[in-house]
Amino acid sequence: MTSVTTDRGLDAPRALPTLAEATRVWARIGLLSFGGPAGQIALMHKELVEERRWIGEERFLHALNYCMLLPGPEAQQLAVYIGWLMHRTLGGLIAGLLFILPGAAVMLGLSILYVLYRDAPLVEGLFFGIKAAVLAVVIEAGIRISRRALRNRAMVMIAFAAFVAIFLFKVPFPAIVLGAGLLGWLGHRVRPGMFGGGTGRSDTAVQDEGLVDALLAQGRLYHVRPSAGRALRVLASWLALWLGPVLLLWLWTGWDSVWTQLGSFFSTMAVVTFGGAYAVLAYVAQAAVDTHGWLLAGEMIDGLGLAETTPGPLILVLQFVGFLAGYRAPGELAPLLAGSLGAMLTVWVTFAPCFLWIFLGAPYVEALRGNQALSAALGAITAAVVGVIMNLALWFGLHVMFREVRPAAFLGLSPDWPVLTSLDWRAALLSAAAMLAMLRFKLGMIPTLAACAAAGLVLTRLAA
C-alpha cells in the first residue's frame, strides 16, 4: 500500500485493512486466545500493535484502561473497541463474537462430556488433578495482579479490607467494587497519584502511532465522534437485545423457572463483574452453589478447570454453570437440550452487555483521553480485586484440600472453615506441587494442568 504523510510527520497507509482481512485476524486471535486476560491482551498487542501497526501503543493502552474500568472480560471488550475503531459497529461485532464463539463452542462440548462421563474412573481421576492445578492458577493470578496493583500502603490496605469484607462479613461483591472506585476517585482529589493514573508507559519509550491514529489525526474516522442521538439509539437497541430475552422468559415460564433465574442472575453479574473472571468467581460460586443449588462446589472448580483449557474469556466458566442448571431442571425438554439452552442463555446475557458498554462509551472515552480521576478509580478497584481474589483462592483451597467445609463461629460471624480431620493428603500434595511448578519453576498454565491431570489419575488409581 502507498503511504501519506500526516500533519504530525508520520507515514501511514492510505486506507484501513478490509473487513475481510480484519476478520481473518480476529478469527486467529479468537482461536489462539489461551492463557487468561494477560495472555489474550499480549496476543492482541503483538498482532495489532507490533506486527500490523493497525493501532498505536498509546491508544491501545488507553482503550485497555477503559475496558478495565468496565464490568466484564476486559480482553474481549478491548477486541470490540479496536474492531469498532477500525470498522464501526460491524467491525466491533465481528471482533467481539470471534473472540467468544470458539471458546463457547468448545466449552459446550466439554460440558456435555462432563455430565455424560464424569463418573468414569478415568475422568474422575483427571478432574481430581485439575482441581489442584486450578488452585495454583488462581493463586498465581492473585500474585501477578498484586504485584501490578499494590504499589503503596494505601493499595495494600484496600486489598486487605476487601478480603475481610467478603470473607468475614459477606459484603456483596458489587458493594466492594463501587466502594473502592469511589475511594479512588475521592483519593485522587485529595492526593493525586495515590491510586495511580496515566497509562503506565515509560516517557522514554518509543511510541509508534498506528494506522488508526494517523486516520484519526486526519479527521477521517467520523464515527468516533460522540453524539447524544447516537448514544440514545445504541442504549435503546442494546438494552432491548440484552434484556428482551430475559423479559420474554419471565412472561413465558414465570419467575421461579430456571431460565428466568439464570437470565436475571447473570444479567446482574454482567453489570458488576469488575476485575474479570477471577474477581467475580467467588461471588458467583457461592450464589450458584449455596443459594440456587445449581451445582456443587467441586463442580464449580471443575468448570473453572475446563474454562482454563479453552480459548476465549475465562468468564466462559459461567456457561458451564448455566449448562448444569438447565441440565438438572429441564422441565419438558431433554436434559442435554435444556443444558445447551441454559449455556447459550448464560453466554448471551453475559456478553451482550459488553458490546453495549463499548458502543455506548467508546466515543466519549476517545474524547476524554487522559482523565486521571478514572485511572485513580481503576487503581483502587484493582487493589480491591486483589483482596477478592485472595478470598477466591482461600475458598477454592478449602474445597480442594478438605472433604468437609462448614460455617464456623468467629466473633459472631460465620466464615467457611474446614473440618481438619477431613484433609485429603493427595489433593494437598498435588496442590503444593502445582504451586511449586507455577511459582518457582514458572511452568505455564496448560503444562501444569496436563501434569496435574495425569498425576491425579495415577493417585486415584493407586487409592482404588
Protein backbone atom coordinates (compact mmCIF):
# COMPACT_ATOMS: atom_id res chain seq x y z
CA MET A 1 0.00 0.00 0.00
CA THR A 2 1.12 3.54 -0.67
CA SER A 3 1.66 5.98 2.16
CA VAL A 4 0.77 9.53 3.03
CA THR A 5 2.39 11.89 5.48
CA THR A 6 0.16 13.22 8.23
CA ASP A 7 0.46 16.68 9.75
CA ARG A 8 2.49 15.02 12.52
CA GLY A 9 5.13 13.94 10.06
CA LEU A 10 4.32 10.25 10.33
CA ASP A 11 3.92 7.94 7.36
CA ALA A 12 0.80 5.79 7.36
CA PRO A 13 -1.08 3.71 4.79
CA ARG A 14 -3.94 5.42 3.00
CA ALA A 15 -6.71 3.03 3.95
CA LEU A 16 -7.73 0.67 6.70
CA PRO A 17 -7.42 -3.07 6.13
CA THR A 18 -10.50 -4.52 4.55
CA LEU A 19 -13.17 -6.01 6.77
CA ALA A 20 -12.34 -9.46 5.37
CA GLU A 21 -8.66 -9.04 6.28
CA ALA A 22 -9.54 -7.85 9.77
CA THR A 23 -11.98 -10.75 10.18
CA ARG A 24 -9.21 -13.26 9.45
CA VAL A 25 -7.01 -11.65 12.08
CA TRP A 26 -9.83 -11.60 14.66
CA ALA A 27 -10.54 -15.27 13.95
CA ARG A 28 -6.87 -16.08 14.52
CA ILE A 29 -6.89 -14.19 17.82
CA GLY A 30 -10.09 -15.92 18.92
CA LEU A 31 -8.69 -19.38 18.21
CA LEU A 32 -5.35 -18.70 19.94
CA SER A 33 -6.58 -16.68 22.93
CA PHE A 34 -5.43 -19.04 25.68
CA GLY A 35 -3.76 -18.02 28.91
CA GLY A 36 -6.34 -15.75 30.50
CA PRO A 37 -6.67 -12.00 30.00
CA ALA A 38 -2.94 -11.28 30.33
CA GLY A 39 -2.09 -13.71 27.55
CA GLN A 40 -5.00 -12.56 25.40
CA ILE A 41 -4.08 -8.88 25.70
CA ALA A 42 -0.46 -9.72 24.91
CA LEU A 43 -1.58 -11.63 21.81
CA MET A 44 -3.68 -8.69 20.58
CA HIS A 45 -0.80 -6.30 21.24
CA LYS A 46 1.54 -8.48 19.20
CA GLU A 47 -0.89 -8.89 16.30
CA LEU A 48 -2.36 -5.37 16.14
CA VAL A 49 0.33 -3.04 17.53
CA GLU A 50 3.69 -4.69 16.91
CA GLU A 51 3.20 -6.65 13.70
CA ARG A 52 0.47 -4.83 11.75
CA ARG A 53 0.58 -1.35 13.34
CA TRP A 54 -3.18 -1.00 12.96
CA ILE A 55 -3.32 0.85 16.27
CA GLY A 56 -0.66 2.72 18.22
CA GLU A 57 0.72 1.80 21.62
CA GLU A 58 -0.75 4.80 23.45
CA ARG A 59 -4.24 4.38 22.06
CA PHE A 60 -4.12 0.62 22.71
CA LEU A 61 -3.32 1.27 26.39
CA HIS A 62 -5.95 4.00 26.57
CA ALA A 63 -8.60 1.60 25.26
CA LEU A 64 -7.38 -1.09 27.67
CA ASN A 65 -7.66 1.28 30.63
CA TYR A 66 -11.28 2.00 29.75
CA CYS A 67 -12.06 -1.70 29.34
CA MET A 68 -10.53 -2.43 32.74
CA LEU A 69 -12.92 0.07 34.28
CA LEU A 70 -15.88 -1.85 32.84
CA PRO A 71 -17.64 -4.91 34.19
CA GLY A 72 -16.98 -8.00 32.14
CA PRO A 73 -13.92 -9.51 30.40
CA GLU A 74 -11.55 -6.69 29.53
CA ALA A 75 -9.73 -8.60 26.77
CA GLN A 76 -12.93 -9.30 24.84
CA GLN A 77 -14.08 -5.70 25.27
CA LEU A 78 -10.71 -4.47 24.04
CA ALA A 79 -11.22 -6.53 20.88
CA VAL A 80 -14.68 -4.96 20.42
CA TYR A 81 -13.21 -1.48 20.98
CA ILE A 82 -10.46 -1.87 18.39
CA GLY A 83 -12.80 -3.57 15.93
CA TRP A 84 -15.20 -0.64 16.34
CA LEU A 85 -12.40 1.91 15.84
CA MET A 86 -11.45 0.32 12.53
CA HIS A 87 -14.78 -0.80 11.05
CA ARG A 88 -17.57 0.77 13.09
CA THR A 89 -20.29 -1.34 14.72
CA LEU A 90 -19.94 -4.27 12.32
CA GLY A 91 -16.21 -4.45 12.99
CA GLY A 92 -16.81 -4.42 16.74
CA LEU A 93 -19.40 -7.18 16.45
CA ILE A 94 -17.11 -9.38 14.37
CA ALA A 95 -14.12 -8.85 16.67
CA GLY A 96 -16.13 -9.49 19.84
CA LEU A 97 -18.02 -12.52 18.56
CA LEU A 98 -14.94 -14.22 17.13
CA PHE A 99 -13.27 -13.73 20.50
CA ILE A 100 -16.14 -15.59 22.23
CA LEU A 101 -17.54 -18.22 19.86
CA PRO A 102 -14.59 -20.67 19.55
CA GLY A 103 -14.27 -20.98 23.32
CA ALA A 104 -18.04 -21.14 23.82
CA ALA A 105 -18.34 -24.00 21.32
CA VAL A 106 -15.51 -25.92 22.98
CA MET A 107 -16.93 -25.24 26.45
CA LEU A 108 -20.36 -26.55 25.42
CA GLY A 109 -18.82 -29.76 24.09
CA LEU A 110 -16.78 -30.23 27.26
CA SER A 111 -19.86 -29.59 29.42
CA ILE A 112 -21.77 -32.34 27.59
CA LEU A 113 -18.87 -34.76 28.00
CA TYR A 114 -18.66 -33.80 31.67
CA VAL A 115 -22.23 -34.73 32.54
CA LEU A 116 -22.12 -37.92 30.48
CA TYR A 117 -18.78 -39.37 31.55
CA ARG A 118 -17.52 -37.61 34.69
CA ASP A 119 -18.30 -40.64 36.90
CA ALA A 120 -15.99 -42.82 34.83
CA PRO A 121 -12.81 -43.59 36.81
CA LEU A 122 -10.62 -42.06 34.10
CA VAL A 123 -12.49 -38.76 34.03
CA GLU A 124 -12.81 -38.66 37.81
CA GLY A 125 -9.05 -39.03 38.19
CA LEU A 126 -8.30 -36.37 35.61
CA PHE A 127 -10.56 -33.84 37.32
CA PHE A 128 -9.09 -34.67 40.71
CA GLY A 129 -5.75 -33.45 39.41
CA ILE A 130 -7.17 -30.50 37.50
CA LYS A 131 -8.72 -29.09 40.69
CA ALA A 132 -5.29 -28.91 42.30
CA ALA A 133 -3.88 -27.10 39.28
CA VAL A 134 -6.78 -24.63 39.27
CA LEU A 135 -5.94 -23.64 42.83
CA ALA A 136 -2.37 -22.89 41.77
CA VAL A 137 -3.60 -20.91 38.75
CA VAL A 138 -5.83 -18.72 40.93
CA ILE A 139 -3.04 -18.08 43.47
CA GLU A 140 -0.60 -17.24 40.67
CA ALA A 141 -3.13 -14.81 39.17
CA GLY A 142 -3.58 -13.12 42.53
CA ILE A 143 0.18 -12.70 42.98
CA ARG A 144 0.58 -11.37 39.44
CA ILE A 145 -2.19 -8.82 39.85
CA SER A 146 -1.00 -7.80 43.32
CA ARG A 147 2.48 -7.01 42.01
CA ARG A 148 0.95 -4.66 39.46
CA ALA A 149 -1.75 -3.17 41.67
CA LEU A 150 -0.41 -2.84 45.22
CA ARG A 151 2.05 0.00 44.73
CA ASN A 152 1.79 1.56 48.19
CA ARG A 153 0.35 1.04 51.66
CA ALA A 154 -3.00 2.58 50.74
CA MET A 155 -3.46 -0.02 47.99
CA VAL A 156 -2.46 -2.85 50.34
CA MET A 157 -4.98 -1.64 52.92
CA ILE A 158 -7.75 -1.58 50.29
CA ALA A 159 -6.91 -5.15 49.27
CA PHE A 160 -6.90 -6.34 52.88
CA ALA A 161 -10.18 -4.53 53.63
CA ALA A 162 -11.80 -6.12 50.58
CA PHE A 163 -10.68 -9.59 51.69
CA VAL A 164 -12.02 -9.10 55.23
CA ALA A 165 -15.28 -7.63 53.91
CA ILE A 166 -16.09 -10.54 51.61
CA PHE A 167 -14.66 -13.39 53.73
CA LEU A 168 -15.83 -12.43 57.21
CA PHE A 169 -18.74 -10.07 56.63
CA LYS A 170 -20.07 -11.49 53.32
CA VAL A 171 -20.27 -7.98 51.84
CA PRO A 172 -21.66 -8.23 48.28
CA PHE A 173 -19.03 -8.01 45.59
CA PRO A 174 -20.73 -5.06 43.79
CA ALA A 175 -20.62 -3.01 47.01
CA ILE A 176 -16.89 -3.70 47.37
CA VAL A 177 -16.19 -2.62 43.80
CA LEU A 178 -18.30 0.54 44.00
CA GLY A 179 -16.81 1.47 47.36
CA ALA A 180 -13.26 1.02 46.09
CA GLY A 181 -13.96 3.04 42.95
CA LEU A 182 -15.45 5.88 44.98
CA LEU A 183 -12.49 5.80 47.36
CA GLY A 184 -10.05 6.01 44.45
CA TRP A 185 -11.92 8.92 42.87
CA LEU A 186 -12.06 10.85 46.16
CA GLY A 187 -8.46 9.97 46.99
CA HIS A 188 -7.32 11.41 43.67
CA ARG A 189 -8.94 14.71 44.55
CA VAL A 190 -7.22 14.81 47.95
CA ARG A 191 -3.84 13.36 46.96
CA PRO A 192 -3.26 12.91 43.22
CA GLY A 193 -1.10 9.95 42.35
CA MET A 194 -2.01 7.82 45.39
CA PHE A 195 -4.13 5.43 43.34
CA GLY A 196 -2.28 5.66 40.06
CA GLY A 197 -3.10 7.49 36.88
CA GLY A 198 -1.94 7.63 33.35
CA THR A 199 -1.28 4.75 31.06
CA GLY A 200 1.70 3.37 32.95
CA ARG A 201 4.03 3.67 29.94
CA SER A 202 7.54 4.99 30.15
CA ASP A 203 8.11 8.55 28.97
CA THR A 204 11.27 7.39 27.28
CA ALA A 205 9.62 4.55 25.42
CA VAL A 206 9.27 4.90 21.70
CA GLN A 207 5.53 5.14 20.95
CA ASP A 208 4.83 4.49 17.27
CA GLU A 209 1.47 5.61 16.01
CA GLY A 210 -0.64 3.12 14.15
CA LEU A 211 -2.91 3.41 11.15
CA VAL A 212 -5.98 4.24 13.21
CA ASP A 213 -4.10 7.04 14.97
CA ALA A 214 -3.00 8.57 11.68
CA LEU A 215 -6.50 8.47 10.22
CA LEU A 216 -7.96 9.98 13.39
CA ALA A 217 -5.38 12.78 13.19
CA GLN A 218 -6.62 13.48 9.66
CA GLY A 219 -10.24 13.54 10.86
CA ARG A 220 -11.21 10.65 8.59
CA LEU A 221 -12.89 8.37 11.18
CA TYR A 222 -16.10 10.30 11.78
CA HIS A 223 -17.84 7.54 13.72
CA VAL A 224 -15.64 8.08 16.81
CA ARG A 225 -17.21 11.47 17.50
CA PRO A 226 -19.70 11.34 20.41
CA SER A 227 -23.32 12.16 19.69
CA ALA A 228 -26.28 12.24 22.07
CA GLY A 229 -28.61 10.91 19.38
CA ARG A 230 -26.31 8.02 18.57
CA ALA A 231 -25.89 7.23 22.28
CA LEU A 232 -29.67 7.05 22.77
CA ARG A 233 -30.06 4.75 19.75
CA VAL A 234 -27.29 2.44 20.99
CA LEU A 235 -28.73 2.36 24.51
CA ALA A 236 -32.28 1.59 23.35
CA SER A 237 -31.30 -1.11 20.85
CA TRP A 238 -28.78 -2.95 23.01
CA LEU A 239 -30.87 -2.84 26.17
CA ALA A 240 -33.68 -4.45 24.18
CA LEU A 241 -31.33 -7.07 22.72
CA TRP A 242 -29.82 -7.84 26.12
CA LEU A 243 -32.86 -7.82 28.42
CA GLY A 244 -35.61 -8.65 25.93
CA PRO A 245 -34.99 -12.43 26.09
CA VAL A 246 -34.96 -12.31 29.90
CA LEU A 247 -38.30 -10.50 29.96
CA LEU A 248 -39.82 -12.93 27.47
CA LEU A 249 -38.63 -15.92 29.51
CA TRP A 250 -40.15 -14.40 32.63
CA LEU A 251 -43.51 -13.90 30.90
CA TRP A 252 -43.41 -17.37 29.34
CA THR A 253 -42.05 -19.53 32.17
CA GLY A 254 -42.65 -17.49 35.33
CA TRP A 255 -40.24 -16.02 37.85
CA ASP A 256 -39.38 -19.33 39.54
CA SER A 257 -38.21 -21.11 36.37
CA VAL A 258 -34.53 -21.90 35.96
CA TRP A 259 -34.46 -19.90 32.72
CA THR A 260 -35.68 -16.71 34.36
CA GLN A 261 -33.35 -17.22 37.29
CA LEU A 262 -30.37 -17.75 35.01
CA GLY A 263 -31.23 -14.74 32.86
CA SER A 264 -31.76 -12.38 35.78
CA PHE A 265 -28.80 -13.61 37.85
CA PHE A 266 -26.22 -13.46 35.09
CA SER A 267 -27.61 -10.18 33.75
CA THR A 268 -26.88 -8.78 37.20
CA MET A 269 -23.42 -10.33 37.11
CA ALA A 270 -22.77 -8.64 33.77
CA VAL A 271 -23.21 -5.27 35.45
CA VAL A 272 -20.98 -5.91 38.48
CA THR A 273 -18.22 -8.25 37.22
CA PHE A 274 -15.46 -5.67 37.66
CA GLY A 275 -11.96 -7.09 37.73
CA GLY A 276 -12.55 -10.02 35.39
CA ALA A 277 -13.43 -13.64 35.98
CA TYR A 278 -11.22 -14.36 38.98
CA ALA A 279 -12.69 -11.45 40.92
CA VAL A 280 -16.31 -12.48 40.46
CA LEU A 281 -15.93 -16.24 40.68
CA ALA A 282 -16.09 -16.37 44.47
CA TYR A 283 -19.36 -14.44 44.48
CA VAL A 284 -20.85 -16.46 41.61
CA ALA A 285 -19.67 -19.76 43.07
CA GLN A 286 -21.20 -19.08 46.46
CA ALA A 287 -24.50 -17.89 44.96
CA ALA A 288 -24.73 -20.71 42.41
CA VAL A 289 -23.78 -23.38 44.97
CA ASP A 290 -25.33 -22.17 48.21
CA THR A 291 -28.28 -20.01 47.11
CA HIS A 292 -29.54 -21.55 43.88
CA GLY A 293 -28.16 -25.08 44.20
CA TRP A 294 -27.32 -25.29 40.50
CA LEU A 295 -24.10 -27.22 41.13
CA LEU A 296 -21.72 -28.37 43.87
CA ALA A 297 -18.55 -26.61 45.00
CA GLY A 298 -16.36 -29.29 43.45
CA GLU A 299 -18.22 -28.96 40.17
CA MET A 300 -17.61 -25.22 40.15
CA ILE A 301 -13.88 -25.90 40.42
CA ASP A 302 -14.18 -28.48 37.62
CA GLY A 303 -15.85 -25.84 35.45
CA LEU A 304 -13.03 -23.40 36.03
CA GLY A 305 -10.56 -26.12 35.07
CA LEU A 306 -12.44 -26.63 31.80
CA ALA A 307 -12.52 -22.90 31.13
CA GLU A 308 -8.76 -22.66 31.71
CA THR A 309 -8.17 -25.14 28.86
CA THR A 310 -10.34 -23.36 26.25
CA PRO A 311 -9.66 -20.24 24.17
CA GLY A 312 -11.57 -17.07 24.92
CA PRO A 313 -12.53 -15.28 28.14
CA LEU A 314 -12.14 -17.23 31.37
CA ILE A 315 -15.59 -15.99 32.36
CA LEU A 316 -16.94 -18.66 29.99
CA VAL A 317 -16.97 -20.76 33.15
CA LEU A 318 -20.37 -19.14 33.74
CA GLN A 319 -21.57 -21.01 30.66
CA PHE A 320 -20.77 -24.26 32.47
CA VAL A 321 -22.90 -23.12 35.42
CA GLY A 322 -25.80 -22.31 33.07
CA PHE A 323 -25.45 -25.71 31.39
CA LEU A 324 -25.64 -27.65 34.65
CA ALA A 325 -28.56 -25.53 35.87
CA GLY A 326 -30.58 -26.26 32.73
CA TYR A 327 -29.50 -29.90 32.63
CA ARG A 328 -30.77 -30.52 36.17
CA ALA A 329 -34.06 -28.66 35.75
CA PRO A 330 -35.03 -29.47 32.16
CA GLY A 331 -38.80 -29.30 32.57
CA GLU A 332 -40.35 -30.90 29.49
CA LEU A 333 -37.12 -30.72 27.48
CA ALA A 334 -34.46 -33.38 27.09
CA PRO A 335 -31.72 -32.73 29.68
CA LEU A 336 -28.93 -32.18 27.16
CA LEU A 337 -31.10 -29.77 25.16
CA ALA A 338 -32.11 -27.91 28.32
CA GLY A 339 -28.48 -27.72 29.39
CA SER A 340 -27.42 -26.41 25.99
CA LEU A 341 -30.14 -23.75 26.10
CA GLY A 342 -29.05 -22.79 29.62
CA ALA A 343 -25.46 -22.44 28.41
CA MET A 344 -26.45 -20.29 25.42
CA LEU A 345 -28.71 -18.08 27.54
CA THR A 346 -25.90 -17.54 30.02
CA VAL A 347 -23.45 -16.64 27.25
CA TRP A 348 -25.94 -14.19 25.79
CA VAL A 349 -26.76 -12.25 28.95
CA THR A 350 -23.09 -12.29 30.00
CA PHE A 351 -21.64 -10.89 26.78
CA ALA A 352 -24.39 -8.79 25.20
CA PRO A 353 -23.75 -6.00 27.76
CA CYS A 354 -20.06 -5.99 26.79
CA PHE A 355 -20.99 -4.72 23.34
CA LEU A 356 -23.29 -2.13 24.91
CA TRP A 357 -20.55 -0.72 27.15
CA ILE A 358 -18.18 -0.29 24.19
CA PHE A 359 -20.58 1.02 21.57
CA LEU A 360 -22.08 3.44 24.07
CA GLY A 361 -18.98 4.65 25.87
CA ALA A 362 -16.10 4.38 23.41
CA PRO A 363 -16.80 7.68 21.57
CA TYR A 364 -16.77 9.56 24.86
CA VAL A 365 -13.63 7.75 26.01
CA GLU A 366 -11.90 8.82 22.80
CA ALA A 367 -12.92 12.39 23.60
CA LEU A 368 -11.72 12.15 27.22
CA ARG A 369 -8.28 10.64 26.81
CA GLY A 370 -6.00 11.16 29.80
CA ASN A 371 -8.64 11.51 32.53
CA GLN A 372 -6.64 10.89 35.70
CA ALA A 373 -9.66 10.54 38.00
CA LEU A 374 -10.84 7.48 36.03
CA SER A 375 -7.37 5.96 36.28
CA ALA A 376 -7.37 6.54 40.05
CA ALA A 377 -10.75 4.82 40.40
CA LEU A 378 -9.39 1.91 38.35
CA GLY A 379 -6.33 1.65 40.57
CA ALA A 380 -8.42 1.41 43.74
CA ILE A 381 -10.79 -1.12 42.13
CA THR A 382 -7.83 -3.24 41.01
CA ALA A 383 -6.45 -3.19 44.57
CA ALA A 384 -9.83 -4.36 45.90
CA VAL A 385 -9.88 -7.10 43.26
CA VAL A 386 -6.64 -8.47 44.74
CA GLY A 387 -8.44 -8.95 48.07
CA VAL A 388 -11.39 -10.62 46.36
CA ILE A 389 -9.06 -12.99 44.51
CA MET A 390 -7.42 -13.84 47.85
CA ASN A 391 -10.87 -14.86 49.07
CA LEU A 392 -11.43 -16.90 45.91
CA ALA A 393 -8.10 -18.70 46.40
CA LEU A 394 -8.99 -19.48 50.02
CA TRP A 395 -12.47 -20.71 49.01
CA PHE A 396 -11.00 -22.98 46.33
CA GLY A 397 -8.23 -24.19 48.62
CA LEU A 398 -10.65 -25.22 51.35
CA HIS A 399 -12.86 -27.14 48.93
CA VAL A 400 -9.95 -28.77 47.07
CA MET A 401 -7.90 -29.99 50.05
CA PHE A 402 -10.66 -30.80 52.56
CA ARG A 403 -13.57 -33.13 52.07
CA GLU A 404 -15.78 -31.21 54.51
CA VAL A 405 -16.17 -27.43 54.89
CA ARG A 406 -18.76 -25.81 57.15
CA PRO A 407 -19.51 -22.36 58.66
CA ALA A 408 -17.51 -21.71 61.85
CA ALA A 409 -18.41 -19.33 64.67
CA PHE A 410 -15.92 -16.47 64.84
CA LEU A 411 -16.68 -13.28 66.80
CA GLY A 412 -20.33 -13.63 65.94
CA LEU A 413 -19.56 -14.26 62.24
CA SER A 414 -19.80 -17.49 60.24
CA PRO A 415 -16.97 -17.79 57.71
CA ASP A 416 -16.47 -21.09 55.93
CA TRP A 417 -13.84 -23.23 57.64
CA PRO A 418 -12.62 -26.80 57.08
CA VAL A 419 -13.03 -29.83 59.26
CA LEU A 420 -9.33 -30.50 59.80
CA THR A 421 -9.75 -34.27 60.05
CA SER A 422 -11.19 -34.28 56.52
CA LEU A 423 -7.88 -33.23 54.91
CA ASP A 424 -7.19 -35.10 51.65
CA TRP A 425 -3.41 -35.56 51.59
CA ARG A 426 -3.41 -36.40 47.89
CA ALA A 427 -5.12 -33.14 46.98
CA ALA A 428 -2.84 -31.17 49.32
CA LEU A 429 0.25 -32.79 47.79
CA LEU A 430 -0.89 -32.10 44.24
CA SER A 431 -1.81 -28.51 45.06
CA ALA A 432 1.61 -27.89 46.63
CA ALA A 433 3.32 -29.43 43.59
CA ALA A 434 1.25 -27.30 41.20
CA MET A 435 2.06 -24.10 43.11
CA LEU A 436 5.76 -25.01 43.16
CA ALA A 437 5.69 -25.66 39.40
CA MET A 438 4.00 -22.37 38.54
CA LEU A 439 5.51 -20.03 41.14
CA ARG A 440 9.04 -21.41 41.48
CA PHE A 441 9.76 -23.02 38.11
CA LYS A 442 7.46 -20.74 36.05
CA LEU A 443 5.74 -23.66 34.33
CA GLY A 444 2.89 -22.49 32.12
CA MET A 445 -0.79 -22.96 32.88
CA ILE A 446 -1.52 -25.61 30.23
CA PRO A 447 1.51 -27.83 31.10
CA THR A 448 0.61 -27.55 34.79
CA LEU A 449 -2.99 -28.55 34.12
CA ALA A 450 -1.86 -31.50 31.99
CA ALA A 451 0.71 -32.70 34.53
CA CYS A 452 -1.72 -32.45 37.45
CA ALA A 453 -4.42 -34.26 35.49
CA ALA A 454 -2.03 -37.14 34.80
CA ALA A 455 -0.86 -37.20 38.44
CA GLY A 456 -4.46 -37.14 39.66
CA LEU A 457 -5.24 -40.14 37.50
CA VAL A 458 -2.30 -42.05 39.00
CA LEU A 459 -3.18 -41.14 42.59
CA THR A 460 -6.84 -42.15 42.24
CA ARG A 461 -5.85 -45.44 40.63
CA LEU A 462 -3.43 -46.19 43.49
CA ALA A 463 -6.14 -45.43 46.05
CA ALA A 464 -8.72 -47.60 44.30
